[in-house]
Amino acid sequence: MIDKIIRGGFLRNRRTHIVSAVGILSAVAAYLVGDSDLFAMLQAVFTLGGVYFLHKTNKTKGKKYGQDS
């Protein structure tokens, strides 16, 4: 049981996705509350979206060439 927790369990391969999603939600929430302007929100959303797709691209390349990433 503890071994599963140490290795990450269900969320083992989803850390980047979760961090990106939480970052996007917090940027939108900050805009809606009034803590940031539209430009800052869009900048954060596009940056975190880029992190998500960059991670996705690296996983695909590793499988294409027979490597584990």
C-alpha atoms as a PDB file:
ATOM      1  CA  MET A   1       0.000   0.000   0.000  1.00  0.00           C
ATOM      2  CA  ILE A   2       2.691   2.510   0.981  1.00  0.00           C
ATOM      3  CA  ASP A   3       4.697   1.528  -2.104  1.00  0.00           C
ATOM      4  CA  LYS A   4       1.769   2.534  -4.314  1.00  0.00           C
ATOM      5  CA  ILE A   5       1.545   5.910  -2.563  1.00  0.00           C
ATOM      6  CA  ILE A   6       5.290   6.548  -2.916  1.00  0.00           C
ATOM      7  CA  ARG A   7       5.246   5.762  -6.639  1.00  0.00           C
ATOM      8  CA  GLY A   8       2.319   8.098  -7.249  1.00  0.00           C
ATOM      9  CA  GLY A   9      -0.565   5.667  -7.482  1.00  0.00           C
ATOM     10  CA  PHE A  10      -3.355   6.674  -9.838  1.00  0.00           C
ATOM     11  CA  LEU A  11      -1.866  10.125 -10.515  1.00  0.00           C
ATOM     12  CA  ARG A  12       1.579   8.819 -11.462  1.00  0.00           C
ATOM     13  CA  ASN A  13       1.542   9.846 -15.123  1.00  0.00           C
ATOM     14  CA  ARG A  14      -0.841  12.774 -14.783  1.00  0.00           C
ATOM     15  CA  ARG A  15       1.143  15.298 -12.723  1.00  0.00           C
ATOM     16  CA  THR A  16       1.810  17.710 -15.610  1.00  0.00           C
ATOM     17  CA  HIS A  17      -1.829  17.617 -16.664  1.00  0.00           C
ATOM     18  CA  ILE A  18      -3.035  18.332 -13.134  1.00  0.00           C
ATOM     19  CA  VAL A  19      -0.567  21.187 -12.610  1.00  0.00           C
ATOM     20  CA  SER A  20      -1.579  22.745 -15.938  1.00  0.00           C
ATOM     21  CA  ALA A  21      -5.293  22.420 -15.189  1.00  0.00           C
ATOM     22  CA  VAL A  22      -4.963  23.884 -11.694  1.00  0.00           C
ATOM     23  CA  GLY A  23      -2.864  26.759 -13.043  1.00  0.00           C
ATOM     24  CA  ILE A  24      -5.419  27.562 -15.737  1.00  0.00           C
ATOM     25  CA  LEU A  25      -8.266  27.436 -13.211  1.00  0.00           C
ATOM     26  CA  SER A  26      -6.406  29.730 -10.823  1.00  0.00           C
ATOM     27  CA  ALA A  27      -5.642  32.223 -13.619  1.00  0.00           C
ATOM     28  CA  VAL A  28      -9.310  32.330 -14.628  1.00  0.00           C
ATOM     29  CA  ALA A  29     -10.407  32.632 -11.004  1.00  0.00           C
ATOM     30  CA  ALA A  30      -7.950  35.501 -10.401  1.00  0.00           C
ATOM     31  CA  TYR A  31      -9.397  37.303 -13.414  1.00  0.00           C
ATOM     32  CA  LEU A  32     -12.991  36.756 -12.310  1.00  0.00           C
ATOM     33  CA  VAL A  33     -12.252  37.979  -8.786  1.00  0.00           C
ATOM     34  CA  GLY A  34     -10.454  41.037 -10.125  1.00  0.00           C
ATOM     35  CA  ASP A  35      -6.893  40.279  -9.021  1.00  0.00           C
ATOM     36  CA  SER A  36      -5.526  40.305 -12.574  1.00  0.00           C
ATOM     37  CA  ASP A  37      -6.418  41.785 -15.919  1.00  0.00           C
ATOM     38  CA  LEU A  38      -7.382  40.022 -19.133  1.00  0.00           C
ATOM     39  CA  PHE A  39      -3.854  40.119 -20.578  1.00  0.00           C
ATOM     40  CA  ALA A  40      -2.317  38.457 -17.510  1.00  0.00           C
ATOM     41  CA  MET A  41      -4.994  35.757 -17.532  1.00  0.00           C
ATOM     42  CA  LEU A  42      -4.515  34.975 -21.229  1.00  0.00           C
ATOM     43  CA  GLN A  43      -0.745  34.916 -20.824  1.00  0.00           C
ATOM     44  CA  ALA A  44      -1.003  32.371 -17.995  1.00  0.00           C
ATOM     45  CA  VAL A  45      -3.555  30.243 -19.856  1.00  0.00           C
ATOM     46  CA  PHE A  46      -1.470  30.065 -23.043  1.00  0.00           C
ATOM     47  CA  THR A  47       1.733  29.360 -21.112  1.00  0.00           C
ATOM     48  CA  LEU A  48       0.205  26.513 -19.124  1.00  0.00           C
ATOM     49  CA  GLY A  49      -1.509  25.177 -22.235  1.00  0.00           C
ATOM     50  CA  GLY A  50       1.894  25.148 -23.931  1.00  0.00           C
ATOM     51  CA  VAL A  51       3.358  23.170 -21.034  1.00  0.00           C
ATOM     52  CA  TYR A  52       0.565  20.614 -21.388  1.00  0.00           C
ATOM     53  CA  PHE A  53       1.044  20.196 -25.142  1.00  0.00           C
ATOM     54  CA  LEU A  54       4.842  20.166 -24.859  1.00  0.00           C
ATOM     55  CA  HIS A  55       4.610  17.303 -22.394  1.00  0.00           C
ATOM     56  CA  LYS A  56       2.158  15.503 -24.671  1.00  0.00           C
ATOM     57  CA  THR A  57       4.490  15.947 -27.685  1.00  0.00           C
ATOM     58  CA  ASN A  58       7.512  14.572 -25.826  1.00  0.00           C
ATOM     59  CA  LYS A  59       5.593  11.454 -24.812  1.00  0.00           C
ATOM     60  CA  THR A  60       4.523  10.837 -28.409  1.00  0.00           C
ATOM     61  CA  LYS A  61       8.070  11.236 -29.778  1.00  0.00           C
ATOM     62  CA  GLY A  62       9.470   8.720 -27.305  1.00  0.00           C
ATOM     63  CA  LYS A  63       6.972   6.073 -28.357  1.00  0.00           C
ATOM     64  CA  LYS A  64       7.504   6.786 -32.047  1.00  0.00           C
ATOM     65  CA  TYR A  65      11.237   6.078 -31.856  1.00  0.00           C
ATOM     66  CA  GLY A  66      10.934   3.112 -29.510  1.00  0.00           C
ATOM     67  CA  GLN A  67      12.107   4.912 -26.368  1.00  0.00           C
ATOM     68  CA  ASP A  68      10.371   5.412 -23.066  1.00  0.00           C
ATOM     69  CA  SER A  69      10.171   9.046 -22.006  1.00  0.00           C
END
